[in-house]
């Protein structure tokens, strides 16, 4: 594996594309194959160390998940027709499929190995864009997620001795499973920016959700954004909340989830964020790791994203480039070889550039806020609920 020369790890095993709920399901694994194809088209696989890790075994899965649930996944994996819906399996969101346990455990294994490598100092940064399956609960599947690789990576860091881990989730959906896993644990600070739960699955992530009373109080922070939030508002909310919390917490590892479903083209949600703003937040997370985390320890994960050709591959290729200290020029023309691959796999025409053509900017929170503005109300609600519990001014 990489030494601390600055080279990042990219976790990749072609078999993660077997995480496949079927042809009518929005989470099409072609998004993973196309992302890796674009990474290669830009030569980023030469700028990072591409490694594959083994699947997570039961003892690792049990760091977050109950054994009876793991057994139920394994049984549904062997016989999808007999899936137990009481565990969230065989549902419309999480249809059972042959090999489900193996594919899910493989994705989890990549995130856990990424965390292990970063903690051991084998690499400063590690990316698993197949991961970020943040809805899975200790005892059940939910929201296209079987095993919660993000929570498992964090739990493994705690097992290895980490005392402060920060998790930042910018998926359009609330990072409910990760929040739930560490609800009572002050060693983990979970921060989620997402579309308002009144409008979107999973219906949680209200600003008043701040962690368990007592030791866990203030360990969860939720920014519930109004529908239609675009680049300026999204970036304003991120910068009004996340950097101050990270600077105060000084995590030993930063784990981030970069669901691409905040994008204006995404069919499953209602934010209006561009690829250019997504890239700006990726770069901001990278900067936070270098500024506030000793050794710049950063584990970056994928997540949602259902514009599987036009958005997801570009967004996560930018993430790999940023983590690899080889950022892709947004103005660059995408290699024709990749667009040929897109057409061969999907019969769609792929995007031509690594930008949506937006110039991103935002107003700093320090310059003041408008109490009548819905975006500012969302930021204020998050700060007022959580910041005082952490000894910070709202």
Protein backbone atom coordinates (compact mmCIF):
# COMPACT_ATOMS: atom_id res chain seq x y z
CA UNK A 1 0.00 0.00 0.00
CA UNK A 2 1.00 3.64 -0.31
CA UNK A 3 3.37 5.25 2.12
CA UNK A 4 2.83 8.77 3.41
CA UNK A 5 4.24 10.17 0.18
CA UNK A 6 0.95 11.92 -0.39
CA UNK A 7 -0.42 9.28 -2.75
CA UNK A 8 -4.03 8.46 -2.00
CA UNK A 9 -5.77 5.09 -2.08
CA UNK A 10 -8.66 4.34 -4.38
CA UNK A 11 -10.54 1.26 -3.25
CA UNK A 12 -11.84 -0.64 -6.26
CA UNK A 13 -12.90 -4.18 -7.05
CA UNK A 14 -14.91 -4.72 -10.23
CA UNK A 15 -17.18 -7.05 -8.25
CA UNK A 16 -18.76 -4.09 -6.39
CA UNK A 17 -20.87 -3.66 -9.55
CA UNK A 18 -22.71 -6.83 -8.49
CA UNK A 19 -24.51 -4.63 -5.95
CA UNK A 20 -27.48 -4.62 -8.32
CA UNK A 21 -31.14 -4.33 -7.33
CA UNK A 22 -32.33 -4.98 -10.88
CA UNK A 23 -32.95 -3.16 -14.13
CA UNK A 24 -35.95 -1.13 -12.91
CA UNK A 25 -34.19 0.14 -9.77
CA UNK A 26 -32.74 3.68 -9.77
CA UNK A 27 -29.44 2.60 -8.18
CA UNK A 28 -27.91 1.26 -11.40
CA UNK A 29 -24.40 -0.13 -10.84
CA UNK A 30 -23.40 1.24 -14.25
CA UNK A 31 -22.72 4.46 -12.32
CA UNK A 32 -19.82 2.72 -10.56
CA UNK A 33 -18.42 1.19 -13.74
CA UNK A 34 -18.67 4.51 -15.58
CA UNK A 35 -17.00 6.36 -12.70
CA UNK A 36 -14.05 3.97 -12.74
CA UNK A 37 -13.93 4.27 -16.53
CA UNK A 38 -13.72 8.06 -16.28
CA UNK A 39 -11.06 7.83 -13.56
CA UNK A 40 -9.00 5.71 -15.96
CA UNK A 41 -9.72 7.96 -18.94
CA UNK A 42 -8.15 10.85 -17.03
CA UNK A 43 -5.19 8.71 -15.92
CA UNK A 44 -6.09 9.16 -12.26
CA UNK A 45 -5.53 5.45 -11.65
CA UNK A 46 -1.84 6.29 -12.15
CA UNK A 47 -1.99 9.17 -9.65
CA UNK A 48 -3.46 7.08 -6.82
CA UNK A 49 -2.87 3.54 -5.62
CA UNK A 50 -5.81 1.39 -6.72
CA UNK A 51 -6.31 -1.44 -4.25
CA UNK A 52 -8.99 -4.05 -3.53
CA UNK A 53 -9.77 -5.26 -0.04
CA UNK A 54 -11.53 -8.47 1.02
CA UNK A 55 -15.20 -8.43 2.00
CA UNK A 56 -16.07 -7.53 5.58
CA UNK A 57 -16.48 -10.66 7.68
CA UNK A 58 -19.16 -11.22 10.28
CA UNK A 59 -17.04 -9.95 13.18
CA UNK A 60 -16.54 -6.66 11.33
CA UNK A 61 -20.19 -6.40 10.28
CA UNK A 62 -21.16 -6.94 13.93
CA UNK A 63 -19.41 -3.69 14.86
CA UNK A 64 -22.64 -2.05 13.66
CA UNK A 65 -25.10 -4.74 12.57
CA UNK A 66 -26.89 -7.42 14.60
CA UNK A 67 -25.94 -10.99 13.78
CA UNK A 68 -29.57 -11.95 13.15
CA UNK A 69 -29.75 -9.27 10.48
CA UNK A 70 -26.50 -10.45 8.84
CA UNK A 71 -27.94 -13.98 8.86
CA UNK A 72 -31.14 -12.69 7.22
CA UNK A 73 -29.13 -10.95 4.49
CA UNK A 74 -27.13 -14.11 3.89
CA UNK A 75 -30.34 -16.16 3.65
CA UNK A 76 -31.93 -13.68 1.21
CA UNK A 77 -28.73 -13.70 -0.77
CA UNK A 78 -28.95 -17.47 -1.20
CA UNK A 79 -32.70 -17.47 -1.87
CA UNK A 80 -34.02 -14.02 -2.85
CA UNK A 81 -37.59 -15.28 -3.02
CA UNK A 82 -37.51 -16.05 0.71
CA UNK A 83 -36.28 -12.62 1.83
CA UNK A 84 -37.58 -11.56 5.25
CA UNK A 85 -39.33 -8.20 4.84
CA UNK A 86 -39.23 -7.63 8.60
CA UNK A 87 -35.54 -6.84 8.05
CA UNK A 88 -36.30 -4.45 5.19
CA UNK A 89 -35.26 -7.08 2.63
CA UNK A 90 -37.27 -7.92 -0.49
CA UNK A 91 -38.96 -4.51 -0.46
CA UNK A 92 -39.40 -2.04 -3.31
CA UNK A 93 -36.42 0.01 -2.07
CA UNK A 94 -34.24 -2.98 -1.22
CA UNK A 95 -35.17 -5.94 -3.44
CA UNK A 96 -33.35 -9.15 -2.60
CA UNK A 97 -30.93 -10.44 -5.22
CA UNK A 98 -28.61 -13.41 -5.53
CA UNK A 99 -25.20 -12.62 -4.07
CA UNK A 100 -26.54 -9.64 -2.11
CA UNK A 101 -24.59 -10.45 1.04
CA UNK A 102 -21.32 -10.91 -0.83
CA UNK A 103 -21.64 -7.68 -2.85
CA UNK A 104 -22.70 -5.67 0.21
CA UNK A 105 -19.93 -7.10 2.39
CA UNK A 106 -17.41 -6.35 -0.37
CA UNK A 107 -18.40 -2.67 -0.47
CA UNK A 108 -18.22 -2.54 3.32
CA UNK A 109 -14.80 -4.20 3.22
CA UNK A 110 -13.47 -1.45 0.96
CA UNK A 111 -14.58 1.31 3.34
CA UNK A 112 -13.24 -0.48 6.41
CA UNK A 113 -9.89 -1.10 4.69
CA UNK A 114 -9.77 2.56 3.63
CA UNK A 115 -10.22 3.59 7.27
CA UNK A 116 -7.60 1.10 8.45
CA UNK A 117 -5.04 2.31 5.92
CA UNK A 118 -5.58 5.96 6.76
CA UNK A 119 -5.45 5.29 10.51
CA UNK A 120 -2.21 3.32 10.12
CA UNK A 121 -0.62 6.14 8.13
CA UNK A 122 -0.30 4.03 4.99
CA UNK A 123 -2.04 6.84 3.09
CA UNK A 124 -3.36 10.24 4.08
CA UNK A 125 -6.51 9.98 1.95
CA UNK A 126 -8.61 7.05 0.74
CA UNK A 127 -11.68 7.00 -1.51
CA UNK A 128 -14.39 4.35 -1.88
CA UNK A 129 -16.98 5.81 -4.22
CA UNK A 130 -18.93 2.52 -4.14
CA UNK A 131 -19.52 3.19 -0.43
CA UNK A 132 -21.54 5.75 1.48
CA UNK A 133 -24.52 3.43 1.98
CA UNK A 134 -25.64 5.51 4.92
CA UNK A 135 -29.26 4.40 5.48
CA UNK A 136 -28.69 0.81 6.63
CA UNK A 137 -29.57 0.33 10.30
CA UNK A 138 -28.12 -2.11 12.84
CA UNK A 139 -31.06 -4.45 12.33
CA UNK A 140 -32.37 -3.69 8.88
CA UNK A 141 -31.91 -2.55 5.30
CA UNK A 142 -33.27 0.82 4.18
CA UNK A 143 -33.07 3.26 1.32
CA UNK A 144 -31.05 1.10 -1.13
CA UNK A 145 -28.53 0.27 1.63
CA UNK A 146 -27.86 -3.22 3.01
CA UNK A 147 -24.71 -2.81 5.13
CA UNK A 148 -23.73 0.63 6.41
CA UNK A 149 -20.13 0.81 5.24
CA UNK A 150 -19.72 4.39 6.48
CA UNK A 151 -20.72 3.44 10.03
CA UNK A 152 -18.59 0.30 9.85
CA UNK A 153 -15.52 2.31 8.83
CA UNK A 154 -16.07 4.67 11.77
CA UNK A 155 -16.71 1.81 14.19
CA UNK A 156 -13.47 0.18 13.06
CA UNK A 157 -11.58 3.43 13.68
CA UNK A 158 -12.99 3.50 17.22
CA UNK A 159 -11.96 -0.12 17.69
CA UNK A 160 -8.44 0.82 16.60
CA UNK A 161 -8.32 3.53 19.25
CA UNK A 162 -9.63 6.69 17.60
CA UNK A 163 -11.16 9.07 20.12
CA UNK A 164 -12.55 11.71 17.75
CA UNK A 165 -14.01 10.93 14.33
CA UNK A 166 -16.01 13.48 12.35
CA UNK A 167 -18.52 12.38 9.72
CA UNK A 168 -19.78 14.92 7.18
CA UNK A 169 -22.63 13.81 4.90
CA UNK A 170 -23.67 16.00 1.96
CA UNK A 171 -25.99 13.49 0.27
CA UNK A 172 -29.43 14.95 -0.45
CA UNK A 173 -30.90 12.41 2.01
CA UNK A 174 -30.24 12.51 5.76
CA UNK A 175 -27.40 10.27 6.94
CA UNK A 176 -29.75 8.56 9.36
CA UNK A 177 -28.02 5.19 9.73
CA UNK A 178 -24.67 6.70 10.66
CA UNK A 179 -26.31 9.11 13.07
CA UNK A 180 -28.22 6.25 14.68
CA UNK A 181 -25.12 4.08 15.03
CA UNK A 182 -23.31 6.75 17.08
CA UNK A 183 -26.27 8.55 18.66
CA UNK A 184 -24.93 7.96 22.17
CA UNK A 185 -21.21 8.18 21.37
CA UNK A 186 -19.46 11.54 21.92
CA UNK A 187 -16.37 10.23 20.10
CA UNK A 188 -18.23 10.61 16.80
CA UNK A 189 -19.54 13.93 15.50
CA UNK A 190 -22.06 13.43 12.68
CA UNK A 191 -22.96 16.41 10.49
CA UNK A 192 -25.57 16.02 7.76
CA UNK A 193 -26.73 18.60 5.19
CA UNK A 194 -29.80 17.33 3.35
CA UNK A 195 -33.16 18.23 1.88
CA UNK A 196 -35.77 18.93 4.55
CA UNK A 197 -37.19 15.71 6.06
CA UNK A 198 -40.74 16.98 5.62
CA UNK A 199 -40.23 16.51 1.89
CA UNK A 200 -37.89 13.56 1.47
CA UNK A 201 -36.90 10.10 2.66
CA UNK A 202 -36.02 9.11 5.35
CA UNK A 203 -38.07 11.77 7.15
CA UNK A 204 -35.38 12.39 9.77
CA UNK A 205 -32.58 14.90 10.13
CA UNK A 206 -34.46 17.66 11.89
CA UNK A 207 -32.18 20.23 13.54
CA UNK A 208 -33.51 19.19 16.94
CA UNK A 209 -31.84 15.77 16.50
CA UNK A 210 -28.62 16.50 18.37
CA UNK A 211 -27.60 13.18 19.93
CA UNK A 212 -28.63 11.20 23.00
CA UNK A 213 -29.27 13.11 26.21
CA UNK A 214 -26.21 13.00 28.38
CA UNK A 215 -22.92 11.96 26.85
CA UNK A 216 -24.17 12.04 23.28
CA UNK A 217 -25.69 15.50 23.46
CA UNK A 218 -24.40 17.72 20.69
CA UNK A 219 -22.79 14.86 18.76
CA UNK A 220 -25.29 15.11 15.88
CA UNK A 221 -25.80 18.22 13.75
CA UNK A 222 -28.49 18.46 11.07
CA UNK A 223 -29.00 21.14 8.45
CA UNK A 224 -32.40 20.62 6.81
CA UNK A 225 -32.35 22.55 3.55
CA UNK A 226 -35.41 23.93 1.74
CA UNK A 227 -36.35 22.35 -1.58
CA UNK A 228 -34.87 24.19 -4.52
CA UNK A 229 -31.66 25.16 -2.71
CA UNK A 230 -29.03 25.89 -5.33
CA UNK A 231 -25.28 26.38 -5.38
CA UNK A 232 -25.03 29.61 -3.42
CA UNK A 233 -27.37 28.48 -0.65
CA UNK A 234 -25.87 24.99 -0.41
CA UNK A 235 -22.33 26.32 -0.18
CA UNK A 236 -23.40 29.03 2.26
CA UNK A 237 -24.98 26.41 4.53
CA UNK A 238 -21.93 24.13 4.35
CA UNK A 239 -19.49 26.91 5.19
CA UNK A 240 -21.76 28.35 7.89
CA UNK A 241 -21.79 25.08 9.82
CA UNK A 242 -19.11 22.53 8.95
CA UNK A 243 -15.73 24.32 9.23
CA UNK A 244 -16.47 25.80 12.66
CA UNK A 245 -17.49 22.41 14.03
CA UNK A 246 -14.46 20.63 12.55
CA UNK A 247 -12.10 23.34 13.82
CA UNK A 248 -13.51 22.95 17.33
CA UNK A 249 -13.69 19.12 17.35
CA UNK A 250 -10.23 18.54 15.83
CA UNK A 251 -11.02 15.02 14.63
CA UNK A 252 -8.30 12.43 14.29
CA UNK A 253 -10.00 11.23 11.10
CA UNK A 254 -12.48 12.95 8.80
CA UNK A 255 -14.98 10.68 7.02
CA UNK A 256 -17.11 12.30 4.32
CA UNK A 257 -20.04 11.05 2.24
CA UNK A 258 -20.49 12.63 -1.19
CA UNK A 259 -23.86 11.48 -2.49
CA UNK A 260 -24.30 13.19 -5.88
CA UNK A 261 -28.10 13.34 -5.63
CA UNK A 262 -28.11 17.02 -4.62
CA UNK A 263 -27.69 17.75 -8.34
CA UNK A 264 -30.41 19.60 -10.27
CA UNK A 265 -30.69 16.67 -12.71
CA UNK A 266 -31.21 14.05 -10.02
CA UNK A 267 -34.62 12.39 -10.43
CA UNK A 268 -35.20 11.45 -6.78
CA UNK A 269 -34.90 14.78 -4.94
CA UNK A 270 -35.48 18.51 -5.19
CA UNK A 271 -32.25 20.44 -4.67
CA UNK A 272 -30.67 22.39 -7.52
CA UNK A 273 -26.94 22.00 -6.95
CA UNK A 274 -24.46 21.88 -9.84
CA UNK A 275 -21.46 19.64 -10.40
CA UNK A 276 -19.30 22.71 -9.84
CA UNK A 277 -20.69 23.22 -6.33
CA UNK A 278 -20.29 19.51 -5.56
CA UNK A 279 -16.65 19.80 -6.59
CA UNK A 280 -16.26 22.89 -4.38
CA UNK A 281 -17.52 20.98 -1.34
CA UNK A 282 -15.21 18.05 -2.11
CA UNK A 283 -12.30 20.49 -2.22
CA UNK A 284 -13.49 22.10 1.02
CA UNK A 285 -13.56 18.72 2.78
CA UNK A 286 -10.03 18.04 1.51
CA UNK A 287 -8.89 21.41 2.86
CA UNK A 288 -10.54 20.76 6.23
CA UNK A 289 -8.63 17.48 6.51
CA UNK A 290 -5.33 19.24 5.84
CA UNK A 291 -6.14 22.13 8.16
CA UNK A 292 -7.62 20.42 11.20
CA UNK A 293 -6.77 16.70 11.12
CA UNK A 294 -3.30 15.55 12.16
CA UNK A 295 -1.81 13.73 9.19
CA UNK A 296 -4.75 14.98 7.05
CA UNK A 297 -6.48 11.63 7.58
CA UNK A 298 -9.48 11.62 5.22
CA UNK A 299 -11.79 8.83 4.09
CA UNK A 300 -14.13 9.92 1.28
CA UNK A 301 -17.14 7.85 0.24
CA UNK A 302 -19.76 7.98 -2.51
CA UNK A 303 -23.47 7.63 -1.74
CA UNK A 304 -26.65 8.41 -3.61
CA UNK A 305 -26.84 9.72 -7.14
CA UNK A 306 -29.30 8.61 -9.78
CA UNK A 307 -28.35 10.69 -12.80
CA UNK A 308 -26.07 7.75 -13.45
CA UNK A 309 -24.47 8.93 -16.70
CA UNK A 310 -24.43 12.70 -16.67
CA UNK A 311 -23.66 13.46 -13.02
CA UNK A 312 -22.34 10.64 -10.85
CA UNK A 313 -19.22 9.67 -12.83
CA UNK A 314 -18.11 13.28 -13.22
CA UNK A 315 -18.74 14.14 -9.57
CA UNK A 316 -16.86 11.18 -8.15
CA UNK A 317 -14.02 11.46 -10.67
CA UNK A 318 -13.50 14.99 -9.35
CA UNK A 319 -13.47 13.51 -5.84
CA UNK A 320 -10.76 11.00 -6.79
CA UNK A 321 -8.71 13.73 -8.45
CA UNK A 322 -8.95 16.00 -5.40
CA UNK A 323 -8.01 13.20 -3.01
CA UNK A 324 -5.12 12.24 -5.26
CA UNK A 325 -3.78 15.80 -5.36
CA UNK A 326 -4.33 15.63 -9.13
CA UNK A 327 -7.51 17.68 -9.58
CA UNK A 328 -9.27 17.45 -12.93
CA UNK A 329 -9.68 20.74 -14.79
CA UNK A 330 -13.43 21.43 -14.87
CA UNK A 331 -13.06 22.97 -18.33
CA UNK A 332 -11.38 19.89 -19.76
CA UNK A 333 -13.04 18.06 -22.63
CA UNK A 334 -13.95 14.55 -21.49
CA UNK A 335 -11.95 11.91 -23.42
CA UNK A 336 -13.87 10.45 -26.36
CA UNK A 337 -12.95 6.94 -25.22
CA UNK A 338 -15.13 7.37 -22.15
CA UNK A 339 -18.05 8.78 -24.13
CA UNK A 340 -17.78 5.73 -26.38
CA UNK A 341 -17.95 3.53 -23.27
CA UNK A 342 -21.04 5.41 -22.10
CA UNK A 343 -22.78 4.84 -25.41
CA UNK A 344 -21.79 1.18 -25.53
CA UNK A 345 -23.13 0.55 -22.00
CA UNK A 346 -26.22 2.77 -21.98
CA UNK A 347 -27.01 3.97 -25.52
CA UNK A 348 -26.87 7.48 -24.08
CA UNK A 349 -24.60 10.34 -25.06
CA UNK A 350 -22.25 11.21 -22.23
CA UNK A 351 -21.48 14.76 -21.09
CA UNK A 352 -18.74 16.66 -22.89
CA UNK A 353 -16.99 18.55 -20.11
CA UNK A 354 -16.21 18.19 -16.40
CA UNK A 355 -18.29 21.26 -15.51
CA UNK A 356 -21.88 22.43 -15.60
CA UNK A 357 -20.54 25.84 -16.54
CA UNK A 358 -21.33 27.42 -13.19
CA UNK A 359 -19.07 29.85 -11.36
CA UNK A 360 -19.67 29.11 -7.70
CA UNK A 361 -19.75 31.69 -4.92
CA UNK A 362 -21.52 32.19 -1.63
CA UNK A 363 -22.04 34.82 1.05
CA UNK A 364 -20.12 34.23 4.24
CA UNK A 365 -22.23 33.69 7.35
CA UNK A 366 -19.94 36.07 9.22
CA UNK A 367 -21.19 38.91 7.00
CA UNK A 368 -24.66 38.56 8.55
CA UNK A 369 -27.90 36.70 7.86
CA UNK A 370 -31.49 37.38 6.90
CA UNK A 371 -33.95 35.92 9.45
CA UNK A 372 -36.68 35.97 6.77
CA UNK A 373 -34.67 33.88 4.31
CA UNK A 374 -35.57 30.17 4.29
CA UNK A 375 -32.00 29.01 3.74
CA UNK A 376 -30.72 31.21 6.56
CA UNK A 377 -33.54 29.92 8.78
CA UNK A 378 -32.31 26.36 8.15
CA UNK A 379 -28.75 27.29 9.07
CA UNK A 380 -29.90 29.19 12.16
CA UNK A 381 -32.01 26.24 13.31
CA UNK A 382 -29.04 23.88 13.04
CA UNK A 383 -26.66 26.25 14.80
CA UNK A 384 -29.11 27.12 17.59
CA UNK A 385 -29.92 23.47 18.27
CA UNK A 386 -26.40 22.05 18.28
CA UNK A 387 -23.73 24.72 18.66
CA UNK A 388 -24.43 25.67 22.31
CA UNK A 389 -24.30 21.98 23.26
CA UNK A 390 -20.74 22.00 21.95
CA UNK A 391 -19.83 25.23 23.74
CA UNK A 392 -20.03 27.27 20.54
CA UNK A 393 -21.96 30.46 19.90
CA UNK A 394 -25.06 29.94 17.75
